C-alpha atoms as a PDB file:
ATOM      1  CA  MET A   1     -37.777 -14.387  27.752  1.00  0.00           C
ATOM      2  CA  SER A   2     -35.596 -13.661  31.409  1.00  0.00           C
ATOM      3  CA  LYS A   3     -38.090 -12.272  33.998  1.00  0.00           C
ATOM      4  CA  PHE A   4     -36.573  -8.821  33.506  1.00  0.00           C
ATOM      5  CA  ASP A   5     -38.824  -8.698  29.514  1.00  0.00           C
ATOM      6  CA  ASP A   6     -41.655 -10.218  30.815  1.00  0.00           C
ATOM      7  CA  ALA A   7     -41.738  -7.190  33.645  1.00  0.00           C
ATOM      8  CA  MET A   8     -41.463  -5.199  30.743  1.00  0.00           C
ATOM      9  CA  ASP A   9     -44.282  -6.116  28.363  1.00  0.00           C
ATOM     10  CA  ARG A  10     -46.454  -6.429  31.123  1.00  0.00           C
ATOM     11  CA  CYS A  11     -45.940  -2.381  31.243  1.00  0.00           C
ATOM     12  CA  VAL A  12     -45.967  -1.586  27.672  1.00  0.00           C
ATOM     13  CA  LYS A  13     -49.370  -3.931  28.003  1.00  0.00           C
ATOM     14  CA  GLN A  14     -50.826  -2.024  30.413  1.00  0.00           C
ATOM     15  CA  MET A  15     -49.438   1.311  28.620  1.00  0.00           C
ATOM     16  CA  LYS A  16     -50.863   0.509  25.511  1.00  0.00           C
ATOM     17  CA  GLU A  17     -54.030  -0.538  27.526  1.00  0.00           C
ATOM     18  CA  GLN A  18     -54.329   2.671  28.796  1.00  0.00           C
ATOM     19  CA  LYS A  19     -52.646   4.228  25.809  1.00  0.00           C
ATOM     20  CA  ILE A  20     -50.004   5.973  27.377  1.00  0.00           C
ATOM     21  CA  PRO A  21     -47.176   6.391  24.546  1.00  0.00           C
ATOM     22  CA  VAL A  22     -44.085   3.856  25.082  1.00  0.00           C
ATOM     23  CA  ASP A  23     -40.217   5.418  24.734  1.00  0.00           C
ATOM     24  CA  ARG A  24     -39.269   1.308  25.322  1.00  0.00           C
ATOM     25  CA  PRO A  25     -35.897   2.075  26.259  1.00  0.00           C
ATOM     26  CA  LEU A  26     -36.607   5.152  29.084  1.00  0.00           C
ATOM     27  CA  LEU A  27     -39.335   2.334  30.450  1.00  0.00           C
ATOM     28  CA  GLU A  28     -36.436  -0.246  30.873  1.00  0.00           C
ATOM     29  CA  LYS A  29     -34.068   2.239  32.372  1.00  0.00           C
ATOM     30  CA  ILE A  30     -36.738   3.182  35.061  1.00  0.00           C
ATOM     31  CA  GLY A  31     -37.178  -0.236  35.856  1.00  0.00           C
ATOM     32  CA  LYS A  32     -33.759  -1.275  35.815  1.00  0.00           C
ATOM     33  CA  SER A  33     -33.525   0.783  38.024  1.00  0.00           C
ATOM     34  CA  LEU A  34     -36.221  -0.041  40.364  1.00  0.00           C
ATOM     35  CA  GLY A  35     -33.361  -3.473  41.258  1.00  0.00           C
ATOM     36  CA  PRO A  36     -35.268  -6.561  43.211  1.00  0.00           C
ATOM     37  CA  SER A  37     -38.305  -4.654  43.821  1.00  0.00           C
ATOM     38  CA  LEU A  38     -39.556  -5.251  40.182  1.00  0.00           C
ATOM     39  CA  TYR A  39     -39.786  -9.045  40.679  1.00  0.00           C
ATOM     40  CA  SER A  40     -41.711  -8.314  43.969  1.00  0.00           C
ATOM     41  CA  ARG A  41     -45.774  -8.598  43.123  1.00  0.00           C
ATOM     42  CA  ASP A  42     -46.473  -6.226  46.052  1.00  0.00           C
ATOM     43  CA  ALA A  43     -43.092  -3.652  45.468  1.00  0.00           C
ATOM     44  CA  SER A  44     -43.684  -3.957  41.266  1.00  0.00           C
ATOM     45  CA  LEU A  45     -47.560  -2.147  42.281  1.00  0.00           C
ATOM     46  CA  VAL A  46     -48.225   1.397  44.269  1.00  0.00           C
ATOM     47  CA  ALA A  47     -51.226   1.849  45.555  1.00  0.00           C
ATOM     48  CA  ALA A  48     -51.911   4.597  45.041  1.00  0.00           C
ATOM     49  CA  ALA A  49     -54.983   5.069  47.809  1.00  0.00           C
ATOM     50  CA  GLN A  50     -53.004   5.109  49.690  1.00  0.00           C
ATOM     51  CA  LYS A  51     -51.861   8.716  51.024  1.00  0.00           C
ATOM     52  CA  SER A  52     -48.280   7.666  52.750  1.00  0.00           C
ATOM     53  CA  GLU A  53     -47.860   5.432  49.369  1.00  0.00           C
ATOM     54  CA  LEU A  54     -48.058   8.653  47.506  1.00  0.00           C
ATOM     55  CA  GLU A  55     -45.475  10.779  49.758  1.00  0.00           C
ATOM     56  CA  THR A  56     -42.982   7.525  49.791  1.00  0.00           C
ATOM     57  CA  ILE A  57     -43.143   8.071  45.929  1.00  0.00           C
ATOM     58  CA  LYS A  58     -42.631  12.078  46.936  1.00  0.00           C
ATOM     59  CA  LYS A  59     -39.926  11.957  49.069  1.00  0.00           C
ATOM     60  CA  ASN A  60     -37.627   8.607  47.807  1.00  0.00           C
ATOM     61  CA  PHE A  61     -38.573   9.092  43.916  1.00  0.00           C
ATOM     62  CA  LEU A  62     -39.168  12.366  42.989  1.00  0.00           C
ATOM     63  CA  ILE A  63     -37.493  14.355  45.799  1.00  0.00           C
ATOM     64  CA  LYS A  64     -34.424  11.792  46.235  1.00  0.00           C
ATOM     65  CA  LYS A  65     -34.173  10.849  42.722  1.00  0.00           C
ATOM     66  CA  LEU A  66     -35.174  12.889  40.255  1.00  0.00           C
ATOM     67  CA  GLY A  67     -34.193  16.422  42.138  1.00  0.00           C
ATOM     68  CA  CYS A  68     -37.357  18.025  42.375  1.00  0.00           C
ATOM     69  CA  LYS A  69     -37.706  21.359  45.155  1.00  0.00           C
ATOM     70  CA  ASP A  70     -40.480  19.315  46.971  1.00  0.00           C
ATOM     71  CA  GLY A  71     -43.982  22.249  46.140  1.00  0.00           C
ATOM     72  CA  PRO A  72     -47.647  22.125  44.428  1.00  0.00           C
ATOM     73  CA  GLU A  73     -45.902  21.116  41.092  1.00  0.00           C
ATOM     74  CA  LEU A  74     -44.933  16.909  42.551  1.00  0.00           C
ATOM     75  CA  ASP A  75     -48.525  16.746  43.681  1.00  0.00           C
ATOM     76  CA  LYS A  76     -49.921  17.393  40.065  1.00  0.00           C
ATOM     77  CA  ALA A  77     -48.027  15.220  38.427  1.00  0.00           C
ATOM     78  CA  LEU A  78     -49.161  12.636  40.748  1.00  0.00           C
ATOM     79  CA  ALA A  79     -52.782  12.987  40.679  1.00  0.00           C
ATOM     80  CA  LYS A  80     -51.862  13.087  37.122  1.00  0.00           C
ATOM     81  CA  ALA A  81     -50.089   9.615  37.308  1.00  0.00           C
ATOM     82  CA  VAL A  82     -52.917   8.227  39.162  1.00  0.00           C
ATOM     83  CA  LYS A  83     -55.832   9.866  36.096  1.00  0.00           C
ATOM     84  CA  LYS A  84     -54.204   8.157  33.833  1.00  0.00           C
ATOM     85  CA  ILE A  85     -53.062   5.080  34.709  1.00  0.00           C
ATOM     86  CA  GLY A  86     -56.890   5.532  35.630  1.00  0.00           C
ATOM     87  CA  GLN A  87     -58.530   5.334  39.333  1.00  0.00           C
ATOM     88  CA  SER A  88     -60.375   2.507  38.634  1.00  0.00           C
ATOM     89  CA  ARG A  89     -57.264   0.829  37.735  1.00  0.00           C
ATOM     90  CA  ARG A  90     -55.936  -1.300  40.091  1.00  0.00           C
ATOM     91  CA  ASN A  91     -52.741  -2.563  39.490  1.00  0.00           C
ATOM     92  CA  LYS A  92     -51.198   0.590  38.907  1.00  0.00           C
ATOM     93  CA  LEU A  93     -47.251  -1.014  37.527  1.00  0.00           C
ATOM     94  CA  ARG A  94     -44.519   1.071  39.233  1.00  0.00           C
ATOM     95  CA  PRO A  95     -42.518   1.440  36.349  1.00  0.00           C
ATOM     96  CA  VAL A  96     -45.796   2.914  34.310  1.00  0.00           C
ATOM     97  CA  PHE A  97     -46.368   4.859  37.036  1.00  0.00           C
ATOM     98  CA  TYR A  98     -42.689   6.496  37.664  1.00  0.00           C
ATOM     99  CA  TYR A  99     -42.204   6.037  33.520  1.00  0.00           C
ATOM    100  CA  LEU A 100     -45.996   9.209  33.609  1.00  0.00           C
ATOM    101  CA  LEU A 101     -43.849  11.429  35.984  1.00  0.00           C
ATOM    102  CA  VAL A 102     -40.277  11.215  34.791  1.00  0.00           C
ATOM    103  CA  LYS A 103     -42.472  12.282  30.816  1.00  0.00           C
ATOM    104  CA  ASP A 104     -44.759  14.670  33.331  1.00  0.00           C
ATOM    105  CA  LEU A 105     -41.427  16.608  34.814  1.00  0.00           C
ATOM    106  CA  LYS A 106     -39.504  16.170  32.219  1.00  0.00           C
ATOM    107  CA  LYS A 107     -37.067  14.652  33.884  1.00  0.00           C
ATOM    108  CA  GLU A 108     -35.891  12.001  30.705  1.00  0.00           C
ATOM    109  CA  ASN A 109     -32.665  13.285  31.088  1.00  0.00           C
ATOM    110  CA  LYS A 110     -31.774  11.699  34.682  1.00  0.00           C
ATOM    111  CA  TYR A 111     -31.954   7.851  32.640  1.00  0.00           C
ATOM    112  CA  LYS A 112     -29.671   8.986  30.049  1.00  0.00           C
END
């Protein structure tokens, strides 16, 4: 099994634990878009407790990558993703977090 498959299996496991429906092809496309950061322990996790981390995700992923307009709906989507994974869960896998944002904002077409 490849490192990519291992990383995706960890994501699927986390999603199942949190009762998040999994669209594996979409999850894999999001994972591939993360490049080598997917394999770095630090970069593969979202530090959701850090406001600066969420601002970076909003600016670089939601606005630049997905083409969203800045506004309160982006902050709501970020808060919803944090809550869905679980605020007490320390390790929020970046592909899972981004997956939740993509689904919530209905931006799946960016990964077709």
